[in-house]
Amino acid sequence: TCRPGRDNYEQFILQEYLVYPTYNLLTDVSFRARPVLVHYQDTEKPDDSFTRHAFILEHKSQMAARNEAVPFDAAQVHPALQEPTATALMELFNYMIGMTDWSAVYLHNVEMTRRTDGKLIPISYDFDWSGLVNTSYAEPDESLDIRSVRQRIFQGFCKEIDYGPIFQTFLDKKEDILALWRDFELVDEGRREDAVDFLEGFFERIDDAGKQERLLRGCRDMPG
């Protein structure tokens, strides 16, 4: 938990939890999470004990094993070594949620796995700095030309792949994703409505071939 007694921080935790099942709807190569109520018992000062919402995250070894892979530990991973289609989905997912606090090269808020065929797959986690969660303390990366985490910016590397099926994966799951956020009543109604509006802006953008093309033109050059 974070800052016990601050209801808005408990809402942040619940919203961050909800990003994980959102990710799960798009790909099995993602961390599963489970919401829980945790009782924190102060053995010296019982009156200071409290119970708050939290979530438990799947261990990286379990996540990897589900996907016939193992965790891949490294200080850096060149983007050209990462399986392009799975990586593109992850990059577009982070664009959807307004997440800039990640790097699949330096493995910042990204877990890398290696499949049995040797291909490397990056998986994002730790989403409290995303525009979708929209915490009071979240800020975009200083190197980016945006002022708020509510401004989306595509951070994917340029790839010679067909993005059509990837965009379609998101569009096919649109109603499931929006329903997930609309119906999760532990999050305050106003926050849910705000999150749904934010997500609908993404789906409106990718449901247009011209806007898809403009989005992808913002890709980063592959390093040498």
C-alpha atoms as a PDB file:
ATOM      1  CA  THR A   1       0.000   0.000   0.000  1.00  0.00           C
ATOM      2  CA  CYS A   2       0.996   3.642  -0.202  1.00  0.00           C
ATOM      3  CA  ARG A   3       0.183   6.455   2.252  1.00  0.00           C
ATOM      4  CA  PRO A   4      -2.387   4.657   4.437  1.00  0.00           C
ATOM      5  CA  GLY A   5      -5.457   6.759   5.124  1.00  0.00           C
ATOM      6  CA  ARG A   6      -5.251   8.613   1.806  1.00  0.00           C
ATOM      7  CA  ASP A   7      -8.246   7.369  -0.188  1.00  0.00           C
ATOM      8  CA  ASN A   8      -6.933   8.743  -3.469  1.00  0.00           C
ATOM      9  CA  TYR A   9      -3.783   6.630  -3.129  1.00  0.00           C
ATOM     10  CA  GLU A  10      -5.872   3.519  -2.568  1.00  0.00           C
ATOM     11  CA  GLN A  11      -7.744   4.403  -5.753  1.00  0.00           C
ATOM     12  CA  PHE A  12      -4.419   4.671  -7.575  1.00  0.00           C
ATOM     13  CA  ILE A  13      -3.570   1.116  -6.470  1.00  0.00           C
ATOM     14  CA  LEU A  14      -6.916  -0.237  -7.644  1.00  0.00           C
ATOM     15  CA  GLN A  15      -6.571   1.506 -11.001  1.00  0.00           C
ATOM     16  CA  GLU A  16      -3.021   0.234 -11.431  1.00  0.00           C
ATOM     17  CA  TYR A  17      -4.249  -3.284 -10.684  1.00  0.00           C
ATOM     18  CA  LEU A  18      -6.835  -2.927 -13.446  1.00  0.00           C
ATOM     19  CA  VAL A  19      -4.149  -2.234 -16.047  1.00  0.00           C
ATOM     20  CA  TYR A  20      -2.915  -5.827 -15.684  1.00  0.00           C
ATOM     21  CA  PRO A  21      -6.172  -7.594 -16.718  1.00  0.00           C
ATOM     22  CA  THR A  22      -6.401  -4.996 -19.505  1.00  0.00           C
ATOM     23  CA  TYR A  23      -3.005  -6.194 -20.742  1.00  0.00           C
ATOM     24  CA  ASN A  24      -4.119  -9.832 -20.281  1.00  0.00           C
ATOM     25  CA  LEU A  25      -7.032  -9.266 -22.668  1.00  0.00           C
ATOM     26  CA  LEU A  26      -4.566  -8.436 -25.430  1.00  0.00           C
ATOM     27  CA  THR A  27      -1.896 -11.081 -24.848  1.00  0.00           C
ATOM     28  CA  ASP A  28      -1.079 -13.984 -22.536  1.00  0.00           C
ATOM     29  CA  VAL A  29       2.499 -12.710 -22.519  1.00  0.00           C
ATOM     30  CA  SER A  30       1.724 -10.348 -19.636  1.00  0.00           C
ATOM     31  CA  PHE A  31       1.736 -10.460 -15.870  1.00  0.00           C
ATOM     32  CA  ARG A  32      -1.390 -11.633 -14.100  1.00  0.00           C
ATOM     33  CA  ALA A  33      -2.481  -9.837 -10.953  1.00  0.00           C
ATOM     34  CA  ARG A  34      -4.995 -10.493  -8.195  1.00  0.00           C
ATOM     35  CA  PRO A  35      -6.699  -7.851  -6.020  1.00  0.00           C
ATOM     36  CA  VAL A  36      -6.586  -8.501  -2.276  1.00  0.00           C
ATOM     37  CA  LEU A  37      -7.425  -6.898   1.038  1.00  0.00           C
ATOM     38  CA  VAL A  38      -4.320  -6.852   3.212  1.00  0.00           C
ATOM     39  CA  HIS A  39      -4.389  -6.385   6.976  1.00  0.00           C
ATOM     40  CA  TYR A  40      -1.253  -4.700   8.287  1.00  0.00           C
ATOM     41  CA  GLN A  41      -0.817  -5.622  11.939  1.00  0.00           C
ATOM     42  CA  ASP A  42       1.368  -3.397  14.090  1.00  0.00           C
ATOM     43  CA  THR A  43       2.489  -5.756  16.853  1.00  0.00           C
ATOM     44  CA  GLU A  44       3.747  -2.910  19.060  1.00  0.00           C
ATOM     45  CA  LYS A  45       0.917  -0.443  18.449  1.00  0.00           C
ATOM     46  CA  PRO A  46      -2.268  -2.420  17.696  1.00  0.00           C
ATOM     47  CA  ASP A  47      -4.275   0.779  17.264  1.00  0.00           C
ATOM     48  CA  ASP A  48      -2.089   1.633  14.276  1.00  0.00           C
ATOM     49  CA  SER A  49      -3.087  -1.551  12.420  1.00  0.00           C
ATOM     50  CA  PHE A  50      -5.141  -1.118   9.265  1.00  0.00           C
ATOM     51  CA  THR A  51      -6.618  -2.951   6.263  1.00  0.00           C
ATOM     52  CA  ARG A  52      -6.254  -1.673   2.704  1.00  0.00           C
ATOM     53  CA  HIS A  53      -6.695  -2.785  -0.874  1.00  0.00           C
ATOM     54  CA  ALA A  54      -3.632  -4.076  -2.695  1.00  0.00           C
ATOM     55  CA  PHE A  55      -2.774  -6.527  -5.443  1.00  0.00           C
ATOM     56  CA  ILE A  56      -0.481  -9.506  -5.822  1.00  0.00           C
ATOM     57  CA  LEU A  57       1.592  -9.789  -8.974  1.00  0.00           C
ATOM     58  CA  GLU A  58       2.510 -13.058 -10.636  1.00  0.00           C
ATOM     59  CA  HIS A  59       6.175 -14.028 -10.276  1.00  0.00           C
ATOM     60  CA  LYS A  60       8.234 -13.540 -13.428  1.00  0.00           C
ATOM     61  CA  SER A  61       9.174 -17.224 -13.517  1.00  0.00           C
ATOM     62  CA  GLN A  62       5.506 -18.226 -13.468  1.00  0.00           C
ATOM     63  CA  MET A  63       4.631 -15.716 -16.157  1.00  0.00           C
ATOM     64  CA  ALA A  64       7.488 -16.938 -18.334  1.00  0.00           C
ATOM     65  CA  ALA A  65       6.669 -20.631 -17.811  1.00  0.00           C
ATOM     66  CA  ARG A  66       3.046 -20.061 -18.901  1.00  0.00           C
ATOM     67  CA  ASN A  67       4.437 -18.824 -22.192  1.00  0.00           C
ATOM     68  CA  GLU A  68       7.052 -21.554 -22.700  1.00  0.00           C
ATOM     69  CA  ALA A  69       9.852 -19.156 -21.819  1.00  0.00           C
ATOM     70  CA  VAL A  70      12.317 -18.292 -19.075  1.00  0.00           C
ATOM     71  CA  PRO A  71      13.298 -14.916 -17.610  1.00  0.00           C
ATOM     72  CA  PHE A  72      16.188 -13.348 -19.494  1.00  0.00           C
ATOM     73  CA  ASP A  73      18.472 -11.248 -17.307  1.00  0.00           C
ATOM     74  CA  ALA A  74      20.685  -8.641 -18.941  1.00  0.00           C
ATOM     75  CA  ALA A  75      21.774  -5.054 -18.393  1.00  0.00           C
ATOM     76  CA  GLN A  76      20.685  -4.049 -21.915  1.00  0.00           C
ATOM     77  CA  VAL A  77      18.925  -5.701 -24.842  1.00  0.00           C
ATOM     78  CA  HIS A  78      19.244  -4.240 -28.336  1.00  0.00           C
ATOM     79  CA  PRO A  79      15.766  -3.686 -29.841  1.00  0.00           C
ATOM     80  CA  ALA A  80      16.742  -5.578 -33.006  1.00  0.00           C
ATOM     81  CA  LEU A  81      17.075  -8.742 -30.897  1.00  0.00           C
ATOM     82  CA  GLN A  82      13.491  -8.532 -29.649  1.00  0.00           C
ATOM     83  CA  GLU A  83      10.725 -10.407 -31.453  1.00  0.00           C
ATOM     84  CA  PRO A  84       9.168  -7.582 -33.488  1.00  0.00           C
ATOM     85  CA  THR A  85       5.440  -8.393 -33.419  1.00  0.00           C
ATOM     86  CA  ALA A  86       5.205  -9.092 -29.685  1.00  0.00           C
ATOM     87  CA  THR A  87       7.375  -6.061 -28.987  1.00  0.00           C
ATOM     88  CA  ALA A  88       5.189  -3.850 -31.184  1.00  0.00           C
ATOM     89  CA  LEU A  89       2.103  -4.955 -29.251  1.00  0.00           C
ATOM     90  CA  MET A  90       3.794  -4.041 -25.975  1.00  0.00           C
ATOM     91  CA  GLU A  91       4.862  -0.657 -27.355  1.00  0.00           C
ATOM     92  CA  LEU A  92       1.346   0.071 -28.592  1.00  0.00           C
ATOM     93  CA  PHE A  93      -0.097  -1.033 -25.245  1.00  0.00           C
ATOM     94  CA  ASN A  94       2.101   1.492 -23.451  1.00  0.00           C
ATOM     95  CA  TYR A  95       0.963   4.113 -25.939  1.00  0.00           C
ATOM     96  CA  MET A  96      -2.668   3.219 -25.207  1.00  0.00           C
ATOM     97  CA  ILE A  97      -2.273   3.659 -21.444  1.00  0.00           C
ATOM     98  CA  GLY A  98      -0.076   6.757 -21.743  1.00  0.00           C
ATOM     99  CA  MET A  99       2.963   5.082 -20.198  1.00  0.00           C
ATOM    100  CA  THR A 100       6.371   6.656 -20.779  1.00  0.00           C
ATOM    101  CA  ASP A 101       8.244   5.342 -17.725  1.00  0.00           C
ATOM    102  CA  TRP A 102       9.681   2.242 -19.387  1.00  0.00           C
ATOM    103  CA  SER A 103      12.509   0.978 -21.560  1.00  0.00           C
ATOM    104  CA  ALA A 104      12.807  -2.414 -23.246  1.00  0.00           C
ATOM    105  CA  VAL A 105      16.459  -1.619 -23.987  1.00  0.00           C
ATOM    106  CA  TYR A 106      17.534  -0.907 -20.403  1.00  0.00           C
ATOM    107  CA  LEU A 107      14.799  -3.133 -18.907  1.00  0.00           C
ATOM    108  CA  HIS A 108      13.222  -0.359 -16.902  1.00  0.00           C
ATOM    109  CA  ASN A 109       9.744  -1.500 -15.828  1.00  0.00           C
ATOM    110  CA  VAL A 110      10.097  -4.237 -18.435  1.00  0.00           C
ATOM    111  CA  GLU A 111      10.778  -7.925 -17.877  1.00  0.00           C
ATOM    112  CA  MET A 112      12.506  -9.759 -20.731  1.00  0.00           C
ATOM    113  CA  THR A 113      11.774 -13.422 -21.441  1.00  0.00           C
ATOM    114  CA  ARG A 114      13.378 -15.891 -23.828  1.00  0.00           C
ATOM    115  CA  ARG A 115      11.121 -18.429 -25.520  1.00  0.00           C
ATOM    116  CA  THR A 116      12.117 -21.984 -26.355  1.00  0.00           C
ATOM    117  CA  ASP A 117      12.720 -20.837 -29.948  1.00  0.00           C
ATOM    118  CA  GLY A 118      15.262 -18.315 -28.638  1.00  0.00           C
ATOM    119  CA  LYS A 119      13.179 -15.217 -29.348  1.00  0.00           C
ATOM    120  CA  LEU A 120      13.197 -12.417 -26.764  1.00  0.00           C
ATOM    121  CA  ILE A 121       9.850 -10.998 -25.650  1.00  0.00           C
ATOM    122  CA  PRO A 122       9.545  -7.850 -23.460  1.00  0.00           C
ATOM    123  CA  ILE A 123       6.685  -7.519 -20.948  1.00  0.00           C
ATOM    124  CA  SER A 124       5.726  -4.240 -19.274  1.00  0.00           C
ATOM    125  CA  TYR A 125       4.772  -3.805 -15.628  1.00  0.00           C
ATOM    126  CA  ASP A 126       4.564  -1.106 -12.922  1.00  0.00           C
ATOM    127  CA  PHE A 127       1.959   1.245 -14.397  1.00  0.00           C
ATOM    128  CA  ASP A 128       1.326   3.893 -11.736  1.00  0.00           C
ATOM    129  CA  TRP A 129       3.029   6.555 -13.870  1.00  0.00           C
ATOM    130  CA  SER A 130       0.682   5.944 -16.790  1.00  0.00           C
ATOM    131  CA  GLY A 131      -1.898   8.442 -18.002  1.00  0.00           C
ATOM    132  CA  LEU A 132      -4.605   5.815 -17.560  1.00  0.00           C
ATOM    133  CA  VAL A 133      -3.965   5.554 -13.822  1.00  0.00           C
ATOM    134  CA  ASN A 134      -3.218   9.294 -13.707  1.00  0.00           C
ATOM    135  CA  THR A 135      -1.692   9.536 -10.247  1.00  0.00           C
ATOM    136  CA  SER A 136      -1.077  12.955  -8.750  1.00  0.00           C
ATOM    137  CA  TYR A 137       2.688  12.370  -8.792  1.00  0.00           C
ATOM    138  CA  ALA A 138       3.140  10.962 -12.322  1.00  0.00           C
ATOM    139  CA  GLU A 139       5.252  12.952 -14.767  1.00  0.00           C
ATOM    140  CA  PRO A 140       6.396  12.162 -18.314  1.00  0.00           C
ATOM    141  CA  ASP A 141      10.021  11.427 -19.092  1.00  0.00           C
ATOM    142  CA  GLU A 142      11.876  14.757 -19.249  1.00  0.00           C
ATOM    143  CA  SER A 143      13.407  13.830 -22.615  1.00  0.00           C
ATOM    144  CA  LEU A 144       9.987  13.650 -24.272  1.00  0.00           C
ATOM    145  CA  ASP A 145       8.172  16.538 -25.906  1.00  0.00           C
ATOM    146  CA  ILE A 146       5.059  16.259 -23.734  1.00  0.00           C
ATOM    147  CA  ARG A 147       4.018  18.013 -20.538  1.00  0.00           C
ATOM    148  CA  SER A 148       1.587  15.498 -19.071  1.00  0.00           C
ATOM    149  CA  VAL A 149       1.206  11.719 -18.883  1.00  0.00           C
ATOM    150  CA  ARG A 150      -2.227  12.292 -20.411  1.00  0.00           C
ATOM    151  CA  GLN A 151      -0.507  13.216 -23.673  1.00  0.00           C
ATOM    152  CA  ARG A 152       0.253  10.082 -25.638  1.00  0.00           C
ATOM    153  CA  ILE A 153       3.558   9.661 -27.453  1.00  0.00           C
ATOM    154  CA  PHE A 154       4.647   6.564 -29.354  1.00  0.00           C
ATOM    155  CA  GLN A 155       8.021   5.265 -28.150  1.00  0.00           C
ATOM    156  CA  GLY A 156       8.278   2.184 -30.325  1.00  0.00           C
ATOM    157  CA  PHE A 157      11.244   1.548 -32.598  1.00  0.00           C
ATOM    158  CA  CYS A 158      10.666   1.516 -36.354  1.00  0.00           C
ATOM    159  CA  LYS A 159      10.004  -2.002 -37.661  1.00  0.00           C
ATOM    160  CA  GLU A 160       9.428  -3.590 -41.064  1.00  0.00           C
ATOM    161  CA  ILE A 161       6.287  -5.467 -40.010  1.00  0.00           C
ATOM    162  CA  ASP A 162       2.590  -5.385 -40.816  1.00  0.00           C
ATOM    163  CA  TYR A 163       0.925  -3.428 -38.003  1.00  0.00           C
ATOM    164  CA  GLY A 164      -2.570  -4.105 -39.343  1.00  0.00           C
ATOM    165  CA  PRO A 165      -3.183  -7.289 -37.316  1.00  0.00           C
ATOM    166  CA  ILE A 166      -1.730  -5.641 -34.207  1.00  0.00           C
ATOM    167  CA  PHE A 167      -4.101  -2.680 -34.434  1.00  0.00           C
ATOM    168  CA  GLN A 168      -6.919  -5.149 -35.080  1.00  0.00           C
ATOM    169  CA  THR A 169      -6.055  -7.055 -31.893  1.00  0.00           C
ATOM    170  CA  PHE A 170      -6.720  -3.874 -29.928  1.00  0.00           C
ATOM    171  CA  LEU A 171      -9.884  -3.039 -31.840  1.00  0.00           C
ATOM    172  CA  ASP A 172     -11.247  -6.561 -31.369  1.00  0.00           C
ATOM    173  CA  LYS A 173     -10.840  -6.187 -27.596  1.00  0.00           C
ATOM    174  CA  LYS A 174     -12.184  -2.644 -27.391  1.00  0.00           C
ATOM    175  CA  GLU A 175     -15.552  -3.463 -25.811  1.00  0.00           C
ATOM    176  CA  ASP A 176     -14.036  -5.961 -23.376  1.00  0.00           C
ATOM    177  CA  ILE A 177     -11.465  -3.401 -22.251  1.00  0.00           C
ATOM    178  CA  LEU A 178     -14.007  -0.599 -21.838  1.00  0.00           C
ATOM    179  CA  ALA A 179     -16.376  -2.915 -19.958  1.00  0.00           C
ATOM    180  CA  LEU A 180     -13.575  -3.958 -17.630  1.00  0.00           C
ATOM    181  CA  TRP A 181     -13.055  -0.335 -16.605  1.00  0.00           C
ATOM    182  CA  ARG A 182     -16.732   0.624 -16.542  1.00  0.00           C
ATOM    183  CA  ASP A 183     -17.733  -2.279 -14.284  1.00  0.00           C
ATOM    184  CA  PHE A 184     -14.935  -2.330 -11.694  1.00  0.00           C
ATOM    185  CA  GLU A 185     -16.885  -0.720  -8.869  1.00  0.00           C
ATOM    186  CA  LEU A 186     -14.013  -0.577  -6.369  1.00  0.00           C
ATOM    187  CA  VAL A 187     -12.791   2.382  -8.416  1.00  0.00           C
ATOM    188  CA  ASP A 188     -14.848   5.548  -7.954  1.00  0.00           C
ATOM    189  CA  GLU A 189     -17.332   6.221 -10.751  1.00  0.00           C
ATOM    190  CA  GLY A 190     -15.719   9.501 -11.767  1.00  0.00           C
ATOM    191  CA  ARG A 191     -12.311   7.871 -12.107  1.00  0.00           C
ATOM    192  CA  ARG A 192     -13.802   5.044 -14.146  1.00  0.00           C
ATOM    193  CA  GLU A 193     -15.507   7.475 -16.499  1.00  0.00           C
ATOM    194  CA  ASP A 194     -12.288   9.435 -16.895  1.00  0.00           C
ATOM    195  CA  ALA A 195     -10.350   6.243 -17.688  1.00  0.00           C
ATOM    196  CA  VAL A 196     -12.962   5.122 -20.229  1.00  0.00           C
ATOM    197  CA  ASP A 197     -12.816   8.527 -21.955  1.00  0.00           C
ATOM    198  CA  PHE A 198      -9.024   8.259 -22.101  1.00  0.00           C
ATOM    199  CA  LEU A 199      -9.201   4.769 -23.610  1.00  0.00           C
ATOM    200  CA  GLU A 200     -11.887   5.752 -26.112  1.00  0.00           C
ATOM    201  CA  GLY A 201      -9.569   8.478 -27.392  1.00  0.00           C
ATOM    202  CA  PHE A 202      -7.012   5.785 -28.188  1.00  0.00           C
ATOM    203  CA  PHE A 203      -9.516   3.528 -29.955  1.00  0.00           C
ATOM    204  CA  GLU A 204     -10.836   6.434 -32.011  1.00  0.00           C
ATOM    205  CA  ARG A 205      -7.302   7.189 -33.120  1.00  0.00           C
ATOM    206  CA  ILE A 206      -6.384   3.666 -34.202  1.00  0.00           C
ATOM    207  CA  ASP A 207      -9.718   3.057 -35.975  1.00  0.00           C
ATOM    208  CA  ASP A 208      -8.535   5.163 -38.893  1.00  0.00           C
ATOM    209  CA  ALA A 209      -5.839   4.124 -41.368  1.00  0.00           C
ATOM    210  CA  GLY A 210      -4.518   7.656 -41.766  1.00  0.00           C
ATOM    211  CA  LYS A 211      -4.210   8.178 -38.025  1.00  0.00           C
ATOM    212  CA  GLN A 212      -2.521   4.800 -37.678  1.00  0.00           C
ATOM    213  CA  GLU A 213       0.059   5.870 -40.234  1.00  0.00           C
ATOM    214  CA  ARG A 214       0.682   9.189 -38.480  1.00  0.00           C
ATOM    215  CA  LEU A 215       1.070   7.411 -35.148  1.00  0.00           C
ATOM    216  CA  LEU A 216       3.690   5.034 -36.553  1.00  0.00           C
ATOM    217  CA  ARG A 217       5.607   7.865 -38.223  1.00  0.00           C
ATOM    218  CA  GLY A 218       6.598   8.857 -34.705  1.00  0.00           C
ATOM    219  CA  CYS A 219       8.632   5.658 -34.257  1.00  0.00           C
ATOM    220  CA  ARG A 220      12.228   5.884 -33.106  1.00  0.00           C
ATOM    221  CA  ASP A 221      15.115   4.969 -35.411  1.00  0.00           C
ATOM    222  CA  MET A 222      16.635   1.577 -34.665  1.00  0.00           C
ATOM    223  CA  PRO A 223      20.078   2.106 -33.077  1.00  0.00           C
ATOM    224  CA  GLY A 224      23.097   0.812 -34.949  1.00  0.00           C
END
